[in-house]
Amino acid sequence: MTDSPLRALVADDEEPALAELVYLLKMDPRIGEIRTASNGPDALKILQAADLDVVFCDIKMPGLDGLDLAKVLSKFVSRPQIVFVTAYDEHAVAAFDLDATDYVMKPVRAERLSEAVRRVVTAGVAPQPGVEDHDDEVIPVELAGVTRFVQRSTVRYVEAQGDYARLHTGQNSHLVRVPLSTLEERWRDAGFTRIHRSTLVALAHVDEMRVDGGRCAVRVGDDWLPVSRRHTRELRDLLVRSTSLRG
């Protein structure tokens, strides 16, 4: 992305919400041209005819909802970034799967929208020479009615809680509507491994491994996590390989 102002499309079938979002975006110097659409099909027509940087899109719209629009855009050779702006929090996981840059809840606050624009700008910045891009995934989480995005690299371990999973970072934990088995499959190549039927751990965050009386546990920060017998040997091998690679 260059220093040029962002070219944006705002799509919402509710006129007051559309007008408010356009008003707030016009106040942001990082936003340049703004086009509008009141439904999904009109938004798609505009996007097919114009080269835009970002779409601020409601989810529930007639004809073609926001999620379906994002699926179509994913097939574009040059895809604009998507920021969902919605009154419904239950679509956050689906938005995450569609590589949304952000997920903003209505009523929209100016400072929250400004943060969404910042994420759009930084997401388009190329990595600096010599700095590896690990394609760090972001996970939408709910906290006190606010949707926040947690970077996968900050997750130390994950605990299963029924059909949900609890992500543990350095200071907080977040419950997400994703089964542990799904995260195990998705994050295996990112250095996460199963150490117990209910626990997934990030190898990079394991500080110590201890075997006492045949029972194995690993220390992640201040937490000791039990390792099942069937996972002990595999975990030891993975940690040895991981340490040798880092060294």
C-alpha atoms as a PDB file:
ATOM      1  CA  MET A   1       0.000   0.000   0.000  1.00  0.00           C
ATOM      2  CA  THR A   2       1.177   3.551  -0.800  1.00  0.00           C
ATOM      3  CA  ASP A   3       0.662   6.763   1.136  1.00  0.00           C
ATOM      4  CA  SER A   4      -2.349   7.597  -1.047  1.00  0.00           C
ATOM      5  CA  PRO A   5      -5.729   7.859   0.730  1.00  0.00           C
ATOM      6  CA  LEU A   6      -7.769   4.661   0.794  1.00  0.00           C
ATOM      7  CA  ARG A   7     -10.500   4.240  -1.806  1.00  0.00           C
ATOM      8  CA  ALA A   8     -13.483   2.830   0.052  1.00  0.00           C
ATOM      9  CA  LEU A   9     -16.921   1.350  -0.521  1.00  0.00           C
ATOM     10  CA  VAL A  10     -19.545   1.506   2.212  1.00  0.00           C
ATOM     11  CA  ALA A  11     -22.385  -1.003   1.849  1.00  0.00           C
ATOM     12  CA  ASP A  12     -25.417  -0.974   4.164  1.00  0.00           C
ATOM     13  CA  ASP A  13     -29.129  -1.310   3.452  1.00  0.00           C
ATOM     14  CA  GLU A  14     -30.080   0.997   6.341  1.00  0.00           C
ATOM     15  CA  GLU A  15     -29.783   4.615   5.182  1.00  0.00           C
ATOM     16  CA  PRO A  16     -29.093   6.158   8.635  1.00  0.00           C
ATOM     17  CA  ALA A  17     -26.326   3.635   9.324  1.00  0.00           C
ATOM     18  CA  LEU A  18     -24.860   4.190   5.857  1.00  0.00           C
ATOM     19  CA  ALA A  19     -24.882   7.971   6.263  1.00  0.00           C
ATOM     20  CA  GLU A  20     -23.311   7.789   9.727  1.00  0.00           C
ATOM     21  CA  LEU A  21     -20.518   5.517   8.555  1.00  0.00           C
ATOM     22  CA  VAL A  22     -19.771   7.739   5.552  1.00  0.00           C
ATOM     23  CA  TYR A  23     -19.727  10.802   7.817  1.00  0.00           C
ATOM     24  CA  LEU A  24     -17.238   9.188  10.216  1.00  0.00           C
ATOM     25  CA  LEU A  25     -14.997   7.963   7.406  1.00  0.00           C
ATOM     26  CA  LYS A  26     -14.901  11.410   5.798  1.00  0.00           C
ATOM     27  CA  MET A  27     -13.444  12.723   9.051  1.00  0.00           C
ATOM     28  CA  ASP A  28     -10.472  10.343   8.686  1.00  0.00           C
ATOM     29  CA  PRO A  29      -7.618  11.783   6.566  1.00  0.00           C
ATOM     30  CA  ARG A  30      -6.532   8.257   5.619  1.00  0.00           C
ATOM     31  CA  ILE A  31      -9.778   7.802   3.660  1.00  0.00           C
ATOM     32  CA  GLY A  32     -10.106   9.377   0.209  1.00  0.00           C
ATOM     33  CA  GLU A  33     -12.806   8.429  -2.299  1.00  0.00           C
ATOM     34  CA  ILE A  34     -15.949   6.896  -0.771  1.00  0.00           C
ATOM     35  CA  ARG A  35     -18.585   5.079  -2.803  1.00  0.00           C
ATOM     36  CA  THR A  36     -21.819   3.696  -1.380  1.00  0.00           C
ATOM     37  CA  ALA A  37     -24.233   0.836  -2.015  1.00  0.00           C
ATOM     38  CA  SER A  38     -27.504  -0.092  -0.311  1.00  0.00           C
ATOM     39  CA  ASN A  39     -27.389  -3.818  -1.093  1.00  0.00           C
ATOM     40  CA  GLY A  40     -25.009  -6.621  -2.006  1.00  0.00           C
ATOM     41  CA  PRO A  41     -25.619  -6.773  -5.785  1.00  0.00           C
ATOM     42  CA  ASP A  42     -25.024  -3.020  -6.174  1.00  0.00           C
ATOM     43  CA  ALA A  43     -21.865  -3.294  -4.091  1.00  0.00           C
ATOM     44  CA  LEU A  44     -20.600  -6.106  -6.309  1.00  0.00           C
ATOM     45  CA  LYS A  45     -21.267  -4.074  -9.473  1.00  0.00           C
ATOM     46  CA  ILE A  46     -19.239  -1.167  -8.098  1.00  0.00           C
ATOM     47  CA  LEU A  47     -16.379  -3.456  -7.082  1.00  0.00           C
ATOM     48  CA  GLN A  48     -16.291  -5.102 -10.495  1.00  0.00           C
ATOM     49  CA  ALA A  49     -16.028  -1.696 -12.184  1.00  0.00           C
ATOM     50  CA  ALA A  50     -13.674   0.119  -9.812  1.00  0.00           C
ATOM     51  CA  ASP A  51     -10.349  -0.696  -8.160  1.00  0.00           C
ATOM     52  CA  LEU A  52     -11.016  -0.051  -4.460  1.00  0.00           C
ATOM     53  CA  ASP A  53      -8.894  -0.700  -1.372  1.00  0.00           C
ATOM     54  CA  VAL A  54     -11.455  -1.530   1.302  1.00  0.00           C
ATOM     55  CA  VAL A  55     -15.115  -2.417   1.761  1.00  0.00           C
ATOM     56  CA  PHE A  56     -16.944  -1.437   4.956  1.00  0.00           C
ATOM     57  CA  CYS A  57     -19.829  -3.838   4.749  1.00  0.00           C
ATOM     58  CA  ASP A  58     -22.942  -4.703   6.738  1.00  0.00           C
ATOM     59  CA  ILE A  59     -23.629  -8.434   6.991  1.00  0.00           C
ATOM     60  CA  LYS A  60     -27.410  -8.634   6.773  1.00  0.00           C
ATOM     61  CA  MET A  61     -28.365  -7.063   3.437  1.00  0.00           C
ATOM     62  CA  PRO A  62     -30.954  -8.003   0.799  1.00  0.00           C
ATOM     63  CA  GLY A  63     -30.025  -9.896  -2.348  1.00  0.00           C
ATOM     64  CA  LEU A  64     -26.459 -10.769  -1.372  1.00  0.00           C
ATOM     65  CA  ASP A  65     -25.441 -10.557   2.264  1.00  0.00           C
ATOM     66  CA  GLY A  66     -22.054  -9.356   3.451  1.00  0.00           C
ATOM     67  CA  LEU A  67     -20.588 -12.818   3.986  1.00  0.00           C
ATOM     68  CA  ASP A  68     -21.612 -13.941   0.506  1.00  0.00           C
ATOM     69  CA  LEU A  69     -20.160 -10.752  -0.941  1.00  0.00           C
ATOM     70  CA  ALA A  70     -16.860 -11.480   0.803  1.00  0.00           C
ATOM     71  CA  LYS A  71     -16.846 -15.012  -0.656  1.00  0.00           C
ATOM     72  CA  VAL A  72     -17.227 -13.573  -4.148  1.00  0.00           C
ATOM     73  CA  LEU A  73     -14.491 -11.009  -3.508  1.00  0.00           C
ATOM     74  CA  SER A  74     -12.122 -13.785  -2.371  1.00  0.00           C
ATOM     75  CA  LYS A  75     -12.026 -14.933  -5.999  1.00  0.00           C
ATOM     76  CA  PHE A  76     -10.932 -11.503  -7.274  1.00  0.00           C
ATOM     77  CA  VAL A  77      -7.346 -11.331  -8.552  1.00  0.00           C
ATOM     78  CA  SER A  78      -6.885  -8.133  -6.528  1.00  0.00           C
ATOM     79  CA  ARG A  79      -9.206  -8.330  -3.542  1.00  0.00           C
ATOM     80  CA  PRO A  80     -10.095  -5.275  -1.457  1.00  0.00           C
ATOM     81  CA  GLN A  81      -9.856  -5.651   2.295  1.00  0.00           C
ATOM     82  CA  ILE A  82     -13.110  -6.330   4.136  1.00  0.00           C
ATOM     83  CA  VAL A  83     -14.248  -4.660   7.351  1.00  0.00           C
ATOM     84  CA  PHE A  84     -17.584  -5.975   8.545  1.00  0.00           C
ATOM     85  CA  VAL A  85     -19.754  -3.434  10.347  1.00  0.00           C
ATOM     86  CA  THR A  86     -22.707  -5.156  11.986  1.00  0.00           C
ATOM     87  CA  ALA A  87     -25.050  -5.289  14.943  1.00  0.00           C
ATOM     88  CA  TYR A  88     -24.661  -9.071  15.230  1.00  0.00           C
ATOM     89  CA  ASP A  89     -21.689 -10.690  16.946  1.00  0.00           C
ATOM     90  CA  GLU A  90     -22.494 -14.295  15.996  1.00  0.00           C
ATOM     91  CA  HIS A  91     -20.854 -13.971  12.580  1.00  0.00           C
ATOM     92  CA  ALA A  92     -17.357 -13.188  13.902  1.00  0.00           C
ATOM     93  CA  VAL A  93     -16.014 -16.710  13.350  1.00  0.00           C
ATOM     94  CA  ALA A  94     -17.321 -16.786   9.769  1.00  0.00           C
ATOM     95  CA  ALA A  95     -15.730 -13.371   9.165  1.00  0.00           C
ATOM     96  CA  PHE A  96     -12.457 -14.701  10.542  1.00  0.00           C
ATOM     97  CA  ASP A  97     -12.593 -17.637   8.095  1.00  0.00           C
ATOM     98  CA  LEU A  98     -13.112 -15.169   5.229  1.00  0.00           C
ATOM     99  CA  ASP A  99      -9.939 -13.237   6.155  1.00  0.00           C
ATOM    100  CA  ALA A 100     -11.768 -10.096   7.242  1.00  0.00           C
ATOM    101  CA  THR A 101      -9.408  -7.337   8.348  1.00  0.00           C
ATOM    102  CA  ASP A 102     -11.730  -6.261  11.152  1.00  0.00           C
ATOM    103  CA  TYR A 103     -15.195  -6.756  12.634  1.00  0.00           C
ATOM    104  CA  VAL A 104     -16.798  -3.609  14.053  1.00  0.00           C
ATOM    105  CA  MET A 105     -19.952  -3.702  16.132  1.00  0.00           C
ATOM    106  CA  LYS A 106     -22.797  -1.196  15.788  1.00  0.00           C
ATOM    107  CA  PRO A 107     -23.389   1.418  17.038  1.00  0.00           C
ATOM    108  CA  VAL A 108     -20.053   2.454  15.571  1.00  0.00           C
ATOM    109  CA  ARG A 109     -17.793   4.603  17.717  1.00  0.00           C
ATOM    110  CA  ALA A 110     -15.411   7.000  15.965  1.00  0.00           C
ATOM    111  CA  GLU A 111     -12.364   5.701  17.838  1.00  0.00           C
ATOM    112  CA  ARG A 112     -13.242   2.066  17.035  1.00  0.00           C
ATOM    113  CA  LEU A 113     -13.666   2.879  13.343  1.00  0.00           C
ATOM    114  CA  SER A 114     -10.339   4.715  13.396  1.00  0.00           C
ATOM    115  CA  GLU A 115      -8.723   1.542  14.734  1.00  0.00           C
ATOM    116  CA  ALA A 116     -10.309  -0.457  11.888  1.00  0.00           C
ATOM    117  CA  VAL A 117      -8.838   1.990   9.348  1.00  0.00           C
ATOM    118  CA  ARG A 118      -5.444   1.643  11.021  1.00  0.00           C
ATOM    119  CA  ARG A 119      -5.648  -2.139  10.617  1.00  0.00           C
ATOM    120  CA  VAL A 120      -6.511  -1.746   6.950  1.00  0.00           C
ATOM    121  CA  VAL A 121      -3.507   0.524   6.432  1.00  0.00           C
ATOM    122  CA  THR A 122      -1.040  -1.709   8.307  1.00  0.00           C
ATOM    123  CA  ALA A 123      -2.369  -4.882   6.683  1.00  0.00           C
ATOM    124  CA  GLY A 124      -1.362  -3.455   3.329  1.00  0.00           C
ATOM    125  CA  VAL A 125       2.191  -2.570   4.380  1.00  0.00           C
ATOM    126  CA  ALA A 126       4.803  -4.890   2.921  1.00  0.00           C
ATOM    127  CA  PRO A 127       7.220  -6.542   5.392  1.00  0.00           C
ATOM    128  CA  GLN A 128      10.568  -4.808   5.855  1.00  0.00           C
ATOM    129  CA  PRO A 129      13.573  -6.461   4.139  1.00  0.00           C
ATOM    130  CA  GLY A 130      15.017  -9.198   6.330  1.00  0.00           C
ATOM    131  CA  VAL A 131      11.831  -9.552   8.373  1.00  0.00           C
ATOM    132  CA  GLU A 132       9.982 -12.815   7.825  1.00  0.00           C
ATOM    133  CA  ASP A 133       6.257 -12.813   7.299  1.00  0.00           C
ATOM    134  CA  HIS A 134       4.823 -15.752   9.239  1.00  0.00           C
ATOM    135  CA  ASP A 135       1.262 -15.047   8.109  1.00  0.00           C
ATOM    136  CA  ASP A 136       0.177 -14.608  11.722  1.00  0.00           C
ATOM    137  CA  GLU A 137      -3.494 -15.490  11.988  1.00  0.00           C
ATOM    138  CA  VAL A 138      -5.934 -13.308  13.918  1.00  0.00           C
ATOM    139  CA  ILE A 139      -8.850 -14.644  15.921  1.00  0.00           C
ATOM    140  CA  PRO A 140     -11.982 -12.615  16.749  1.00  0.00           C
ATOM    141  CA  VAL A 141     -12.897 -12.785  20.439  1.00  0.00           C
ATOM    142  CA  GLU A 142     -15.697 -11.212  22.442  1.00  0.00           C
ATOM    143  CA  LEU A 143     -14.931  -9.247  25.595  1.00  0.00           C
ATOM    144  CA  ALA A 144     -17.606  -7.181  27.361  1.00  0.00           C
ATOM    145  CA  GLY A 145     -19.600  -6.823  24.156  1.00  0.00           C
ATOM    146  CA  VAL A 146     -16.592  -5.676  22.115  1.00  0.00           C
ATOM    147  CA  THR A 147     -15.045  -7.780  19.341  1.00  0.00           C
ATOM    148  CA  ARG A 148     -11.272  -7.809  19.535  1.00  0.00           C
ATOM    149  CA  PHE A 149      -8.727  -9.613  17.388  1.00  0.00           C
ATOM    150  CA  VAL A 150      -6.038 -11.745  19.055  1.00  0.00           C
ATOM    151  CA  GLN A 151      -2.869 -12.688  17.170  1.00  0.00           C
ATOM    152  CA  ARG A 152      -2.165 -16.407  17.071  1.00  0.00           C
ATOM    153  CA  SER A 153       1.490 -15.764  17.973  1.00  0.00           C
ATOM    154  CA  THR A 154       0.390 -14.426  21.390  1.00  0.00           C
ATOM    155  CA  VAL A 155      -1.550 -17.608  22.242  1.00  0.00           C
ATOM    156  CA  ARG A 156       0.437 -19.794  24.644  1.00  0.00           C
ATOM    157  CA  TYR A 157      -1.975 -22.686  24.973  1.00  0.00           C
ATOM    158  CA  VAL A 158      -5.577 -23.621  24.274  1.00  0.00           C
ATOM    159  CA  GLU A 159      -8.017 -25.549  26.460  1.00  0.00           C
ATOM    160  CA  ALA A 160     -11.113 -27.370  25.242  1.00  0.00           C
ATOM    161  CA  GLN A 161     -14.408 -26.314  26.809  1.00  0.00           C
ATOM    162  CA  GLY A 162     -17.080 -28.437  25.149  1.00  0.00           C
ATOM    163  CA  ASP A 163     -17.561 -27.235  21.572  1.00  0.00           C
ATOM    164  CA  TYR A 164     -15.627 -24.083  22.448  1.00  0.00           C
ATOM    165  CA  ALA A 165     -11.946 -23.378  23.062  1.00  0.00           C
ATOM    166  CA  ARG A 166     -10.267 -21.040  25.536  1.00  0.00           C
ATOM    167  CA  LEU A 167      -7.197 -19.212  24.252  1.00  0.00           C
ATOM    168  CA  HIS A 168      -4.607 -18.349  26.902  1.00  0.00           C
ATOM    169  CA  THR A 169      -2.278 -15.428  26.173  1.00  0.00           C
ATOM    170  CA  GLY A 170       0.222 -13.840  28.511  1.00  0.00           C
ATOM    171  CA  GLN A 171      -2.301 -11.893  30.591  1.00  0.00           C
ATOM    172  CA  ASN A 172      -5.779 -12.949  29.490  1.00  0.00           C
ATOM    173  CA  SER A 173      -7.898 -15.834  28.274  1.00  0.00           C
ATOM    174  CA  HIS A 174     -10.590 -15.702  25.604  1.00  0.00           C
ATOM    175  CA  LEU A 175     -13.416 -18.111  24.810  1.00  0.00           C
ATOM    176  CA  VAL A 176     -13.999 -18.686  21.087  1.00  0.00           C
ATOM    177  CA  ARG A 177     -16.644 -20.678  19.263  1.00  0.00           C
ATOM    178  CA  VAL A 178     -14.196 -23.035  17.587  1.00  0.00           C
ATOM    179  CA  PRO A 179     -13.618 -26.680  18.635  1.00  0.00           C
ATOM    180  CA  LEU A 180     -10.130 -27.616  19.842  1.00  0.00           C
ATOM    181  CA  SER A 181      -9.869 -30.229  17.070  1.00  0.00           C
ATOM    182  CA  THR A 182     -10.353 -27.518  14.436  1.00  0.00           C
ATOM    183  CA  LEU A 183      -7.587 -25.361  15.909  1.00  0.00           C
ATOM    184  CA  GLU A 184      -5.301 -28.398  16.196  1.00  0.00           C
ATOM    185  CA  GLU A 185      -5.656 -29.072  12.468  1.00  0.00           C
ATOM    186  CA  ARG A 186      -5.440 -25.409  11.473  1.00  0.00           C
ATOM    187  CA  TRP A 187      -2.461 -24.506  13.675  1.00  0.00           C
ATOM    188  CA  ARG A 188      -0.332 -27.644  13.418  1.00  0.00           C
ATOM    189  CA  ASP A 189       2.053 -26.050  10.915  1.00  0.00           C
ATOM    190  CA  ALA A 190       2.337 -22.971  13.155  1.00  0.00           C
ATOM    191  CA  GLY A 191       3.957 -24.961  15.991  1.00  0.00           C
ATOM    192  CA  PHE A 192       0.933 -26.011  18.055  1.00  0.00           C
ATOM    193  CA  THR A 193       0.637 -29.595  19.257  1.00  0.00           C
ATOM    194  CA  ARG A 194      -1.795 -31.637  21.353  1.00  0.00           C
ATOM    195  CA  ILE A 195      -0.400 -32.593  24.772  1.00  0.00           C
ATOM    196  CA  HIS A 196      -3.648 -33.815  26.310  1.00  0.00           C
ATOM    197  CA  ARG A 197      -7.129 -34.593  25.025  1.00  0.00           C
ATOM    198  CA  SER A 198      -8.192 -31.158  26.245  1.00  0.00           C
ATOM    199  CA  THR A 199      -5.022 -29.093  25.695  1.00  0.00           C
ATOM    200  CA  LEU A 200      -3.119 -27.672  22.742  1.00  0.00           C
ATOM    201  CA  VAL A 201       0.192 -25.923  23.394  1.00  0.00           C
ATOM    202  CA  ALA A 202       2.437 -23.588  21.382  1.00  0.00           C
ATOM    203  CA  LEU A 203       5.907 -25.149  21.360  1.00  0.00           C
ATOM    204  CA  ALA A 204       7.528 -21.710  21.196  1.00  0.00           C
ATOM    205  CA  HIS A 205       6.002 -20.827  24.574  1.00  0.00           C
ATOM    206  CA  VAL A 206       7.062 -23.987  26.448  1.00  0.00           C
ATOM    207  CA  ASP A 207       9.637 -22.951  29.056  1.00  0.00           C
ATOM    208  CA  GLU A 208      10.250 -26.276  30.812  1.00  0.00           C
ATOM    209  CA  MET A 209       9.357 -29.968  30.648  1.00  0.00           C
ATOM    210  CA  ARG A 210       9.364 -32.138  33.764  1.00  0.00           C
ATOM    211  CA  VAL A 211       8.804 -35.864  34.310  1.00  0.00           C
ATOM    212  CA  ASP A 212       8.156 -36.899  37.910  1.00  0.00           C
ATOM    213  CA  GLY A 213       7.008 -40.368  38.935  1.00  0.00           C
ATOM    214  CA  GLY A 214       6.057 -41.189  35.367  1.00  0.00           C
ATOM    215  CA  ARG A 215       3.897 -38.083  35.096  1.00  0.00           C
ATOM    216  CA  CYS A 216       4.896 -35.446  32.571  1.00  0.00           C
ATOM    217  CA  ALA A 217       4.081 -31.725  32.627  1.00  0.00           C
ATOM    218  CA  VAL A 218       5.245 -28.621  30.814  1.00  0.00           C
ATOM    219  CA  ARG A 219       5.575 -25.093  32.137  1.00  0.00           C
ATOM    220  CA  VAL A 220       4.143 -22.300  30.009  1.00  0.00           C
ATOM    221  CA  GLY A 221       4.767 -19.013  31.774  1.00  0.00           C
ATOM    222  CA  ASP A 222       3.431 -19.476  35.306  1.00  0.00           C
ATOM    223  CA  ASP A 223       1.201 -22.422  34.375  1.00  0.00           C
ATOM    224  CA  TRP A 224       2.032 -26.121  34.625  1.00  0.00           C
ATOM    225  CA  LEU A 225       0.096 -28.217  32.108  1.00  0.00           C
ATOM    226  CA  PRO A 226      -0.223 -32.013  32.367  1.00  0.00           C
ATOM    227  CA  VAL A 227       0.903 -34.095  29.393  1.00  0.00           C
ATOM    228  CA  SER A 228      -0.823 -37.412  28.778  1.00  0.00           C
ATOM    229  CA  ARG A 229       1.327 -40.546  28.532  1.00  0.00           C
ATOM    230  CA  ARG A 230       0.455 -41.073  24.865  1.00  0.00           C
ATOM    231  CA  HIS A 231       1.698 -37.591  23.962  1.00  0.00           C
ATOM    232  CA  THR A 232       4.845 -37.493  26.132  1.00  0.00           C
ATOM    233  CA  ARG A 233       7.359 -39.027  23.713  1.00  0.00           C
ATOM    234  CA  GLU A 234       6.085 -37.081  20.710  1.00  0.00           C
ATOM    235  CA  LEU A 235       6.190 -33.817  22.671  1.00  0.00           C
ATOM    236  CA  ARG A 236       9.760 -34.473  23.836  1.00  0.00           C
ATOM    237  CA  ASP A 237      10.866 -35.097  20.245  1.00  0.00           C
ATOM    238  CA  LEU A 238       9.088 -31.961  19.005  1.00  0.00           C
ATOM    239  CA  LEU A 239      10.676 -29.820  21.723  1.00  0.00           C
ATOM    240  CA  VAL A 240      14.165 -31.156  20.945  1.00  0.00           C
ATOM    241  CA  ARG A 241      13.687 -30.414  17.244  1.00  0.00           C
ATOM    242  CA  SER A 242      12.210 -27.001  17.983  1.00  0.00           C
ATOM    243  CA  THR A 243      15.114 -26.091  20.281  1.00  0.00           C
ATOM    244  CA  SER A 244      17.728 -27.204  17.764  1.00  0.00           C
ATOM    245  CA  LEU A 245      16.107 -25.119  15.042  1.00  0.00           C
ATOM    246  CA  ARG A 246      16.039 -22.047  17.261  1.00  0.00           C
ATOM    247  CA  GLY A 247      19.641 -22.570  18.288  1.00  0.00           C
END
